[in-house]
Amino acid sequence: MDTENLVKMVNHIGDFFSAEPDPDIGVAGVTDHLRRFWESRMRNAIIQHYLAGGAGLSDIARAAVAKLAAERKALKQSADG
């Protein structure tokens, strides 16, 4: 995966949802878009980029990817438990 391209893509999605007056709804919109339209390889790559520092991610994109990372961690913990 080309991480630089993924960062540009998620930032563009974030730009669209940043028009939402409620920032939480904007973050939820980006997160939902990533869940619905990005294949798992793309989601995994952007989460790994976020976990490595997330260089280049806009605030809304960073928050959305953080949400995906937290969900993934919770799922993994519930499967391990």
C-alpha atoms as a PDB file:
ATOM      1  CA  MET A   1       0.000   0.000   0.000  1.00  0.00           C
ATOM      2  CA  ASP A   2       1.170   3.501  -0.799  1.00  0.00           C
ATOM      3  CA  THR A   3       0.742   5.157   2.579  1.00  0.00           C
ATOM      4  CA  GLU A   4       1.215   8.652   1.191  1.00  0.00           C
ATOM      5  CA  ASN A   5      -1.730   8.094  -1.162  1.00  0.00           C
ATOM      6  CA  LEU A   6      -3.871   6.675   1.654  1.00  0.00           C
ATOM      7  CA  VAL A   7      -3.123   9.755   3.774  1.00  0.00           C
ATOM      8  CA  LYS A   8      -4.182  12.023   0.905  1.00  0.00           C
ATOM      9  CA  MET A   9      -7.360  10.013   0.410  1.00  0.00           C
ATOM     10  CA  VAL A  10      -8.411  10.013   4.063  1.00  0.00           C
ATOM     11  CA  ASN A  11      -7.605  13.723   4.330  1.00  0.00           C
ATOM     12  CA  HIS A  12      -9.856  14.407   1.309  1.00  0.00           C
ATOM     13  CA  ILE A  13     -12.641  12.429   2.953  1.00  0.00           C
ATOM     14  CA  GLY A  14     -12.002  14.413   6.130  1.00  0.00           C
ATOM     15  CA  ASP A  15     -12.224  17.681   4.183  1.00  0.00           C
ATOM     16  CA  PHE A  16     -15.680  16.698   2.995  1.00  0.00           C
ATOM     17  CA  PHE A  17     -16.926  15.787   6.473  1.00  0.00           C
ATOM     18  CA  SER A  18     -15.277  18.803   8.148  1.00  0.00           C
ATOM     19  CA  ALA A  19     -18.194  20.907   6.870  1.00  0.00           C
ATOM     20  CA  GLU A  20     -20.349  19.121   9.458  1.00  0.00           C
ATOM     21  CA  PRO A  21     -21.150  21.603  12.271  1.00  0.00           C
ATOM     22  CA  ASP A  22     -20.724  18.917  14.961  1.00  0.00           C
ATOM     23  CA  PRO A  23     -17.117  17.628  14.858  1.00  0.00           C
ATOM     24  CA  ASP A  24     -18.156  14.282  16.372  1.00  0.00           C
ATOM     25  CA  ILE A  25     -20.586  13.703  13.513  1.00  0.00           C
ATOM     26  CA  GLY A  26     -17.837  14.593  11.050  1.00  0.00           C
ATOM     27  CA  VAL A  27     -15.447  12.076  12.608  1.00  0.00           C
ATOM     28  CA  ALA A  28     -18.191   9.451  12.598  1.00  0.00           C
ATOM     29  CA  GLY A  29     -18.794  10.155   8.899  1.00  0.00           C
ATOM     30  CA  VAL A  30     -15.139   9.624   8.026  1.00  0.00           C
ATOM     31  CA  THR A  31     -14.975   6.487  10.153  1.00  0.00           C
ATOM     32  CA  ASP A  32     -18.110   5.078   8.548  1.00  0.00           C
ATOM     33  CA  HIS A  33     -16.780   5.852   5.066  1.00  0.00           C
ATOM     34  CA  LEU A  34     -13.526   4.012   5.813  1.00  0.00           C
ATOM     35  CA  ARG A  35     -15.451   1.004   7.158  1.00  0.00           C
ATOM     36  CA  ARG A  36     -17.844   0.842   4.230  1.00  0.00           C
ATOM     37  CA  PHE A  37     -15.711   1.712   1.221  1.00  0.00           C
ATOM     38  CA  TRP A  38     -12.093   0.920   2.033  1.00  0.00           C
ATOM     39  CA  GLU A  39     -10.945  -2.667   1.768  1.00  0.00           C
ATOM     40  CA  SER A  40      -9.374  -4.198   4.856  1.00  0.00           C
ATOM     41  CA  ARG A  41      -5.814  -3.870   3.478  1.00  0.00           C
ATOM     42  CA  MET A  42      -6.300  -0.122   3.130  1.00  0.00           C
ATOM     43  CA  ARG A  43      -7.793   0.210   6.624  1.00  0.00           C
ATOM     44  CA  ASN A  44      -4.992  -1.880   8.105  1.00  0.00           C
ATOM     45  CA  ALA A  45      -2.337   0.211   6.368  1.00  0.00           C
ATOM     46  CA  ILE A  46      -3.774   3.551   7.518  1.00  0.00           C
ATOM     47  CA  ILE A  47      -4.167   2.233  11.079  1.00  0.00           C
ATOM     48  CA  GLN A  48      -0.533   1.107  11.067  1.00  0.00           C
ATOM     49  CA  HIS A  49       0.485   4.536   9.782  1.00  0.00           C
ATOM     50  CA  TYR A  50      -1.536   6.177  12.569  1.00  0.00           C
ATOM     51  CA  LEU A  51       0.056   3.913  15.202  1.00  0.00           C
ATOM     52  CA  ALA A  52       3.500   4.880  13.862  1.00  0.00           C
ATOM     53  CA  GLY A  53       2.770   8.563  14.416  1.00  0.00           C
ATOM     54  CA  GLY A  54       0.301   9.390  11.662  1.00  0.00           C
ATOM     55  CA  ALA A  55       2.410  11.943   9.813  1.00  0.00           C
ATOM     56  CA  GLY A  56       0.333  14.063   7.459  1.00  0.00           C
ATOM     57  CA  LEU A  57      -3.098  13.124   8.815  1.00  0.00           C
ATOM     58  CA  SER A  58      -5.483  16.035   9.326  1.00  0.00           C
ATOM     59  CA  ASP A  59      -7.165  16.347  12.724  1.00  0.00           C
ATOM     60  CA  ILE A  60     -10.460  14.849  11.567  1.00  0.00           C
ATOM     61  CA  ALA A  61      -8.701  12.030   9.677  1.00  0.00           C
ATOM     62  CA  ARG A  62      -6.506  11.296  12.690  1.00  0.00           C
ATOM     63  CA  ALA A  63      -9.561  11.117  14.965  1.00  0.00           C
ATOM     64  CA  ALA A  64     -11.383   8.781  12.565  1.00  0.00           C
ATOM     65  CA  VAL A  65      -8.410   6.434  12.182  1.00  0.00           C
ATOM     66  CA  ALA A  66      -7.900   6.497  15.956  1.00  0.00           C
ATOM     67  CA  LYS A  67     -11.501   5.351  16.313  1.00  0.00           C
ATOM     68  CA  LEU A  68     -10.891   2.475  13.880  1.00  0.00           C
ATOM     69  CA  ALA A  69      -7.704   1.520  15.745  1.00  0.00           C
ATOM     70  CA  ALA A  70      -9.557   1.491  19.076  1.00  0.00           C
ATOM     71  CA  GLU A  71     -12.345  -0.650  17.610  1.00  0.00           C
ATOM     72  CA  ARG A  72      -9.822  -3.106  16.213  1.00  0.00           C
ATOM     73  CA  LYS A  73      -8.049  -3.309  19.570  1.00  0.00           C
ATOM     74  CA  ALA A  74     -11.346  -3.916  21.406  1.00  0.00           C
ATOM     75  CA  LEU A  75     -12.318  -6.674  18.951  1.00  0.00           C
ATOM     76  CA  LYS A  76      -8.951  -8.333  19.333  1.00  0.00           C
ATOM     77  CA  GLN A  77      -9.177  -8.189  23.132  1.00  0.00           C
ATOM     78  CA  SER A  78     -12.693  -9.661  23.117  1.00  0.00           C
ATOM     79  CA  ALA A  79     -11.508 -12.479  20.850  1.00  0.00           C
ATOM     80  CA  ASP A  80      -8.538 -13.172  23.124  1.00  0.00           C
ATOM     81  CA  GLY A  81     -10.639 -13.099  26.260  1.00  0.00           C
END
